[in-house]
Amino acid sequence: MGDLSRPPRPWPVYARGLCPNGCNKDGGGEVGAIIACGGVAVRPGDIIVVDRDGVAVVPLDDAAEVAQLTVAKVGSERQVDLGAARCLALVQIPVDKSLALYRGFNPRVRP
């Protein structure tokens, strides 16, 4: 894993390897064991997702459902972003024109 303060690479990064050194110095570690990372149980085959917001552990049994929900969420967020962009385009009226419109609605404002 690289430095999260740098821009992301345009390609995915996968890790396939292990270092079976245990924290105890009296022997080797275990391969394929459940570990605890940040208080979360991580099992062999779980999917680890890392971005600037943090780390998520997706259990392998839930991966297909999480992928479908993720695609749906990204699609709905894109629609919200497009709607916001349209609203911004509508409200970007030049200052002099917006003052003229405001003066037309409020006669107490000096010309």
C-alpha atoms as a PDB file:
ATOM      1  CA  MET A   1       0.000   0.000   0.000  1.00  0.00           C
ATOM      2  CA  GLY A   2       1.305   3.423  -0.859  1.00  0.00           C
ATOM      3  CA  ASP A   3       1.045   6.842   0.703  1.00  0.00           C
ATOM      4  CA  LEU A   4      -2.631   7.937   0.740  1.00  0.00           C
ATOM      5  CA  SER A   5      -1.640  11.602   0.440  1.00  0.00           C
ATOM      6  CA  ARG A   6      -0.460  11.006  -3.130  1.00  0.00           C
ATOM      7  CA  PRO A   7      -2.943  10.882  -6.016  1.00  0.00           C
ATOM      8  CA  PRO A   8      -4.232   7.362  -6.698  1.00  0.00           C
ATOM      9  CA  ARG A   9      -2.541   5.285  -9.335  1.00  0.00           C
ATOM     10  CA  PRO A  10      -4.535   4.661 -12.526  1.00  0.00           C
ATOM     11  CA  TRP A  11      -4.270   0.904 -12.006  1.00  0.00           C
ATOM     12  CA  PRO A  12      -5.415  -1.373  -9.177  1.00  0.00           C
ATOM     13  CA  VAL A  13      -2.884  -2.688  -6.683  1.00  0.00           C
ATOM     14  CA  TYR A  14      -3.145  -6.289  -5.520  1.00  0.00           C
ATOM     15  CA  ALA A  15      -1.073  -8.075  -2.903  1.00  0.00           C
ATOM     16  CA  ARG A  16      -0.519 -11.789  -3.089  1.00  0.00           C
ATOM     17  CA  GLY A  17       1.865 -12.945  -0.458  1.00  0.00           C
ATOM     18  CA  LEU A  18       2.312 -13.554   3.201  1.00  0.00           C
ATOM     19  CA  CYS A  19       4.791 -13.318   5.981  1.00  0.00           C
ATOM     20  CA  PRO A  20       3.956 -16.005   8.542  1.00  0.00           C
ATOM     21  CA  ASN A  21       5.907 -14.400  11.371  1.00  0.00           C
ATOM     22  CA  GLY A  22       3.955 -14.349  14.596  1.00  0.00           C
ATOM     23  CA  CYS A  23       4.218 -11.622  17.176  1.00  0.00           C
ATOM     24  CA  ASN A  24       5.675 -14.123  19.624  1.00  0.00           C
ATOM     25  CA  LYS A  25       9.308 -14.895  19.090  1.00  0.00           C
ATOM     26  CA  ASP A  26       8.922 -18.558  20.035  1.00  0.00           C
ATOM     27  CA  GLY A  27       7.868 -19.860  16.626  1.00  0.00           C
ATOM     28  CA  GLY A  28       6.348 -19.168  13.251  1.00  0.00           C
ATOM     29  CA  GLY A  29       2.934 -17.669  12.680  1.00  0.00           C
ATOM     30  CA  GLU A  30      -0.164 -19.325  11.253  1.00  0.00           C
ATOM     31  CA  VAL A  31      -1.235 -19.352   7.632  1.00  0.00           C
ATOM     32  CA  GLY A  32      -4.961 -18.948   6.923  1.00  0.00           C
ATOM     33  CA  ALA A  33      -5.856 -17.880  10.449  1.00  0.00           C
ATOM     34  CA  ILE A  34      -8.381 -15.222  11.415  1.00  0.00           C
ATOM     35  CA  ILE A  35      -6.655 -12.033  12.540  1.00  0.00           C
ATOM     36  CA  ALA A  36      -7.835  -8.897  14.296  1.00  0.00           C
ATOM     37  CA  CYS A  37      -6.982  -5.610  12.613  1.00  0.00           C
ATOM     38  CA  GLY A  38      -8.239  -2.428  14.257  1.00  0.00           C
ATOM     39  CA  GLY A  39     -10.670  -4.484  16.301  1.00  0.00           C
ATOM     40  CA  VAL A  40     -12.199  -6.092  13.209  1.00  0.00           C
ATOM     41  CA  ALA A  41     -11.952  -9.806  12.452  1.00  0.00           C
ATOM     42  CA  VAL A  42     -10.344 -10.427   9.062  1.00  0.00           C
ATOM     43  CA  ARG A  43     -10.730 -13.897   7.603  1.00  0.00           C
ATOM     44  CA  PRO A  44      -8.847 -15.498   4.715  1.00  0.00           C
ATOM     45  CA  GLY A  45     -10.461 -14.380   1.430  1.00  0.00           C
ATOM     46  CA  ASP A  46     -12.030 -11.205   2.837  1.00  0.00           C
ATOM     47  CA  ILE A  47     -11.770  -8.159   0.596  1.00  0.00           C
ATOM     48  CA  ILE A  48      -9.947  -5.141   1.987  1.00  0.00           C
ATOM     49  CA  VAL A  49     -10.835  -1.764   0.465  1.00  0.00           C
ATOM     50  CA  VAL A  50      -8.629   1.242   1.255  1.00  0.00           C
ATOM     51  CA  ASP A  51      -9.099   4.857   0.214  1.00  0.00           C
ATOM     52  CA  ARG A  52      -8.529   8.318   1.668  1.00  0.00           C
ATOM     53  CA  ASP A  53     -11.573   7.916   3.919  1.00  0.00           C
ATOM     54  CA  GLY A  54     -10.374   4.747   5.623  1.00  0.00           C
ATOM     55  CA  VAL A  55     -10.332   0.979   5.441  1.00  0.00           C
ATOM     56  CA  ALA A  56     -13.255  -1.427   4.980  1.00  0.00           C
ATOM     57  CA  VAL A  57     -13.299  -5.197   5.363  1.00  0.00           C
ATOM     58  CA  VAL A  58     -15.869  -6.948   3.172  1.00  0.00           C
ATOM     59  CA  PRO A  59     -16.472 -10.577   4.156  1.00  0.00           C
ATOM     60  CA  LEU A  60     -16.069 -12.854   1.150  1.00  0.00           C
ATOM     61  CA  ASP A  61     -19.589 -14.256   1.659  1.00  0.00           C
ATOM     62  CA  ASP A  62     -21.054 -10.735   1.317  1.00  0.00           C
ATOM     63  CA  ALA A  63     -18.864  -9.556  -1.576  1.00  0.00           C
ATOM     64  CA  ALA A  64     -21.418 -10.042  -4.390  1.00  0.00           C
ATOM     65  CA  GLU A  65     -24.175  -8.215  -2.510  1.00  0.00           C
ATOM     66  CA  VAL A  66     -21.830  -5.396  -1.463  1.00  0.00           C
ATOM     67  CA  ALA A  67     -20.688  -5.006  -5.093  1.00  0.00           C
ATOM     68  CA  GLN A  68     -24.300  -4.658  -6.295  1.00  0.00           C
ATOM     69  CA  LEU A  69     -25.140  -2.148  -3.559  1.00  0.00           C
ATOM     70  CA  THR A  70     -21.973  -0.190  -4.355  1.00  0.00           C
ATOM     71  CA  VAL A  71     -22.840   0.085  -8.048  1.00  0.00           C
ATOM     72  CA  ALA A  72     -26.354   1.293  -7.149  1.00  0.00           C
ATOM     73  CA  LYS A  73     -24.994   3.860  -4.652  1.00  0.00           C
ATOM     74  CA  VAL A  74     -22.445   5.229  -7.113  1.00  0.00           C
ATOM     75  CA  GLY A  75     -25.193   5.574  -9.744  1.00  0.00           C
ATOM     76  CA  SER A  76     -27.505   7.463  -7.382  1.00  0.00           C
ATOM     77  CA  GLU A  77     -24.657   9.756  -6.265  1.00  0.00           C
ATOM     78  CA  ARG A  78     -23.882  10.534  -9.910  1.00  0.00           C
ATOM     79  CA  GLN A  79     -27.514  11.560 -10.416  1.00  0.00           C
ATOM     80  CA  VAL A  80     -27.315  13.857  -7.386  1.00  0.00           C
ATOM     81  CA  ASP A  81     -24.078  15.364  -8.706  1.00  0.00           C
ATOM     82  CA  LEU A  82     -25.651  15.959 -12.125  1.00  0.00           C
ATOM     83  CA  GLY A  83     -28.702  17.579 -10.524  1.00  0.00           C
ATOM     84  CA  ALA A  84     -26.505  19.843  -8.420  1.00  0.00           C
ATOM     85  CA  ALA A  85     -24.476  20.839 -11.487  1.00  0.00           C
ATOM     86  CA  ARG A  86     -27.691  21.746 -13.341  1.00  0.00           C
ATOM     87  CA  CYS A  87     -28.865  23.866 -10.399  1.00  0.00           C
ATOM     88  CA  LEU A  88     -25.537  25.664 -10.236  1.00  0.00           C
ATOM     89  CA  ALA A  89     -25.720  26.376 -13.952  1.00  0.00           C
ATOM     90  CA  LEU A  90     -29.174  27.897 -13.470  1.00  0.00           C
ATOM     91  CA  VAL A  91     -28.218  30.180 -10.588  1.00  0.00           C
ATOM     92  CA  GLN A  92     -25.044  31.549 -12.098  1.00  0.00           C
ATOM     93  CA  ILE A  93     -26.546  34.878 -13.123  1.00  0.00           C
ATOM     94  CA  PRO A  94     -24.166  37.817 -13.559  1.00  0.00           C
ATOM     95  CA  VAL A  95     -24.057  40.106 -10.515  1.00  0.00           C
ATOM     96  CA  ASP A  96     -25.352  43.205 -12.323  1.00  0.00           C
ATOM     97  CA  LYS A  97     -28.310  41.277 -13.721  1.00  0.00           C
ATOM     98  CA  SER A  98     -29.114  39.705 -10.341  1.00  0.00           C
ATOM     99  CA  LEU A  99     -29.053  43.187  -8.709  1.00  0.00           C
ATOM    100  CA  ALA A 100     -31.416  44.480 -11.368  1.00  0.00           C
ATOM    101  CA  LEU A 101     -33.752  41.554 -10.756  1.00  0.00           C
ATOM    102  CA  TYR A 102     -33.585  42.131  -7.003  1.00  0.00           C
ATOM    103  CA  ARG A 103     -34.315  45.842  -7.395  1.00  0.00           C
ATOM    104  CA  GLY A 104     -37.286  44.983  -9.548  1.00  0.00           C
ATOM    105  CA  PHE A 105     -38.730  42.843  -6.744  1.00  0.00           C
ATOM    106  CA  ASN A 106     -37.860  45.228  -3.924  1.00  0.00           C
ATOM    107  CA  PRO A 107     -38.693  48.870  -4.700  1.00  0.00           C
ATOM    108  CA  ARG A 108     -37.021  50.111  -1.463  1.00  0.00           C
ATOM    109  CA  VAL A 109     -33.574  49.303  -2.845  1.00  0.00           C
ATOM    110  CA  ARG A 110     -31.877  52.322  -4.411  1.00  0.00           C
ATOM    111  CA  PRO A 111     -31.065  52.086  -8.113  1.00  0.00           C
END
